[in-house]
Amino acid sequence: MFMDMETFEESMIEASVVVDTKKWLSEGMECTLVSFKERVIEVVVPKTMEFEVVETEPNVKGNTSSAHTKPATLDCGAVVTVPGFIKQGERIKVDTEKGDYMERA
């Protein structure tokens, strides 16, 4: 379900339309709906977004000097690869087109 922030009208969007972007979607976020002939054909999320790391491995002492990376689960449910120094609870910026970590937020 999506809501127009000006009219507060709610629209139900087919799951097949959001298959590529659903891992970045979270409640309350703003995104753009692309329509053709009064039918939504695409959901566009911002190119860069901030997320909280809700789960990741703790940093192992000695890995700070190397290019150690690890998987991290974000508050939207997506999993991205982050540098070893990122801790659970930190906010990071992510490139949603590539699914890549960019920097700490």
C-alpha atoms as a PDB file:
ATOM      1  CA  MET A   1       0.000   0.000   0.000  1.00  0.00           C
ATOM      2  CA  PHE A   2       1.232   3.474  -0.915  1.00  0.00           C
ATOM      3  CA  MET A   3      -0.237   6.825   0.105  1.00  0.00           C
ATOM      4  CA  ASP A   4      -0.231  10.109  -1.816  1.00  0.00           C
ATOM      5  CA  MET A   5       1.152  12.673   0.657  1.00  0.00           C
ATOM      6  CA  GLU A   6      -0.953  15.494  -0.824  1.00  0.00           C
ATOM      7  CA  THR A   7      -4.382  13.838  -1.132  1.00  0.00           C
ATOM      8  CA  PHE A   8      -3.840  11.017   1.423  1.00  0.00           C
ATOM      9  CA  GLU A   9      -5.312   8.637  -1.145  1.00  0.00           C
ATOM     10  CA  GLU A  10      -4.067   5.060  -0.719  1.00  0.00           C
ATOM     11  CA  SER A  11      -3.112   2.854  -3.657  1.00  0.00           C
ATOM     12  CA  MET A  12      -2.510  -0.865  -3.668  1.00  0.00           C
ATOM     13  CA  ILE A  13       0.412  -1.795  -5.921  1.00  0.00           C
ATOM     14  CA  GLU A  14       0.935  -5.267  -7.367  1.00  0.00           C
ATOM     15  CA  ALA A  15       3.843  -7.218  -5.877  1.00  0.00           C
ATOM     16  CA  SER A  16       5.350  -7.734  -9.335  1.00  0.00           C
ATOM     17  CA  VAL A  17       5.842  -3.950  -9.661  1.00  0.00           C
ATOM     18  CA  VAL A  18       7.972  -3.655  -6.512  1.00  0.00           C
ATOM     19  CA  VAL A  19       9.995  -6.848  -6.904  1.00  0.00           C
ATOM     20  CA  ASP A  20      13.248  -4.942  -7.674  1.00  0.00           C
ATOM     21  CA  THR A  21      12.880  -2.290  -4.967  1.00  0.00           C
ATOM     22  CA  LYS A  22      11.022  -4.031  -2.143  1.00  0.00           C
ATOM     23  CA  LYS A  23      14.173  -4.715  -0.117  1.00  0.00           C
ATOM     24  CA  TRP A  24      14.689  -0.939   0.231  1.00  0.00           C
ATOM     25  CA  LEU A  25      11.086  -0.073   1.111  1.00  0.00           C
ATOM     26  CA  SER A  26      10.138   0.731   4.682  1.00  0.00           C
ATOM     27  CA  GLU A  27       7.114   2.300   6.289  1.00  0.00           C
ATOM     28  CA  GLY A  28       6.974   6.085   6.077  1.00  0.00           C
ATOM     29  CA  MET A  29       9.617   6.524   3.374  1.00  0.00           C
ATOM     30  CA  GLU A  30       9.025   8.715   0.333  1.00  0.00           C
ATOM     31  CA  CYS A  31       9.303   7.183  -3.115  1.00  0.00           C
ATOM     32  CA  THR A  32       8.066   7.935  -6.616  1.00  0.00           C
ATOM     33  CA  LEU A  33       5.411   5.935  -8.437  1.00  0.00           C
ATOM     34  CA  VAL A  34       5.694   5.871 -12.237  1.00  0.00           C
ATOM     35  CA  SER A  35       2.347   5.430 -13.989  1.00  0.00           C
ATOM     36  CA  PHE A  36       1.322   4.599 -17.544  1.00  0.00           C
ATOM     37  CA  LYS A  37      -2.332   4.690 -18.600  1.00  0.00           C
ATOM     38  CA  GLU A  38      -3.422   5.126 -14.954  1.00  0.00           C
ATOM     39  CA  ARG A  39      -1.523   1.986 -13.888  1.00  0.00           C
ATOM     40  CA  VAL A  40       1.609   2.037 -11.713  1.00  0.00           C
ATOM     41  CA  ILE A  41       4.439   0.366 -13.609  1.00  0.00           C
ATOM     42  CA  GLU A  42       7.429   1.189 -11.387  1.00  0.00           C
ATOM     43  CA  VAL A  43       8.317   2.226  -7.838  1.00  0.00           C
ATOM     44  CA  VAL A  44      11.441   4.404  -7.686  1.00  0.00           C
ATOM     45  CA  VAL A  45      13.324   4.796  -4.388  1.00  0.00           C
ATOM     46  CA  PRO A  46      15.918   7.543  -3.784  1.00  0.00           C
ATOM     47  CA  LYS A  47      19.400   6.744  -5.165  1.00  0.00           C
ATOM     48  CA  THR A  48      21.029   7.080  -1.743  1.00  0.00           C
ATOM     49  CA  MET A  49      19.361   6.365   1.570  1.00  0.00           C
ATOM     50  CA  GLU A  50      20.292   6.091   5.235  1.00  0.00           C
ATOM     51  CA  PHE A  51      19.622   2.877   7.148  1.00  0.00           C
ATOM     52  CA  GLU A  52      20.410   1.516  10.590  1.00  0.00           C
ATOM     53  CA  VAL A  53      22.511  -1.642  10.881  1.00  0.00           C
ATOM     54  CA  VAL A  54      20.383  -4.036  12.944  1.00  0.00           C
ATOM     55  CA  GLU A  55      22.619  -7.099  12.718  1.00  0.00           C
ATOM     56  CA  THR A  56      26.272  -7.674  11.877  1.00  0.00           C
ATOM     57  CA  GLU A  57      29.244  -9.609  13.184  1.00  0.00           C
ATOM     58  CA  PRO A  58      31.369  -7.867  15.829  1.00  0.00           C
ATOM     59  CA  ASN A  59      34.695  -6.490  14.638  1.00  0.00           C
ATOM     60  CA  VAL A  60      37.634  -8.810  15.283  1.00  0.00           C
ATOM     61  CA  LYS A  61      40.683  -7.113  16.781  1.00  0.00           C
ATOM     62  CA  GLY A  62      43.411  -6.793  14.156  1.00  0.00           C
ATOM     63  CA  ASN A  63      41.048  -6.471  11.178  1.00  0.00           C
ATOM     64  CA  THR A  64      40.995  -2.672  11.281  1.00  0.00           C
ATOM     65  CA  SER A  65      44.115  -2.231   9.144  1.00  0.00           C
ATOM     66  CA  SER A  66      43.072  -4.577   6.346  1.00  0.00           C
ATOM     67  CA  ALA A  67      40.187  -4.345   3.913  1.00  0.00           C
ATOM     68  CA  HIS A  68      38.009  -6.698   5.974  1.00  0.00           C
ATOM     69  CA  THR A  69      34.323  -6.685   4.997  1.00  0.00           C
ATOM     70  CA  LYS A  70      31.284  -8.407   6.441  1.00  0.00           C
ATOM     71  CA  PRO A  71      27.537  -8.709   5.765  1.00  0.00           C
ATOM     72  CA  ALA A  72      25.144  -6.412   7.618  1.00  0.00           C
ATOM     73  CA  THR A  73      21.350  -6.578   7.841  1.00  0.00           C
ATOM     74  CA  LEU A  74      19.664  -3.179   7.646  1.00  0.00           C
ATOM     75  CA  ASP A  75      16.443  -2.008   9.294  1.00  0.00           C
ATOM     76  CA  CYS A  76      14.626  -2.332   5.941  1.00  0.00           C
ATOM     77  CA  GLY A  77      15.623  -6.020   5.726  1.00  0.00           C
ATOM     78  CA  ALA A  78      18.254  -5.693   2.989  1.00  0.00           C
ATOM     79  CA  VAL A  79      21.709  -7.217   3.465  1.00  0.00           C
ATOM     80  CA  VAL A  80      24.766  -5.262   2.261  1.00  0.00           C
ATOM     81  CA  THR A  81      28.512  -5.733   2.593  1.00  0.00           C
ATOM     82  CA  VAL A  82      30.106  -3.211   4.955  1.00  0.00           C
ATOM     83  CA  PRO A  83      33.648  -2.518   6.187  1.00  0.00           C
ATOM     84  CA  GLY A  84      34.733  -4.403   9.301  1.00  0.00           C
ATOM     85  CA  PHE A  85      34.609  -1.301  11.542  1.00  0.00           C
ATOM     86  CA  ILE A  86      30.825  -0.837  11.172  1.00  0.00           C
ATOM     87  CA  LYS A  87      28.949  -1.862  14.334  1.00  0.00           C
ATOM     88  CA  GLN A  88      25.391  -2.848  15.063  1.00  0.00           C
ATOM     89  CA  GLY A  89      23.224   0.233  15.707  1.00  0.00           C
ATOM     90  CA  GLU A  90      25.215   2.556  13.430  1.00  0.00           C
ATOM     91  CA  ARG A  91      23.531   4.440  10.570  1.00  0.00           C
ATOM     92  CA  ILE A  92      25.041   4.109   7.104  1.00  0.00           C
ATOM     93  CA  LYS A  93      24.410   5.518   3.631  1.00  0.00           C
ATOM     94  CA  VAL A  94      23.676   2.989   0.891  1.00  0.00           C
ATOM     95  CA  ASP A  95      23.541   3.299  -2.892  1.00  0.00           C
ATOM     96  CA  THR A  96      20.161   1.662  -3.578  1.00  0.00           C
ATOM     97  CA  GLU A  97      20.824   1.194  -7.308  1.00  0.00           C
ATOM     98  CA  LYS A  98      23.921  -0.943  -6.738  1.00  0.00           C
ATOM     99  CA  GLY A  99      23.180  -2.137  -3.196  1.00  0.00           C
ATOM    100  CA  ASP A 100      26.580  -0.875  -2.007  1.00  0.00           C
ATOM    101  CA  TYR A 101      27.733   0.687   1.256  1.00  0.00           C
ATOM    102  CA  MET A 102      28.825   4.302   0.738  1.00  0.00           C
ATOM    103  CA  GLU A 103      29.759   5.804   4.133  1.00  0.00           C
ATOM    104  CA  ARG A 104      28.683   6.269   7.730  1.00  0.00           C
ATOM    105  CA  ALA A 105      25.718   8.595   8.106  1.00  0.00           C
END
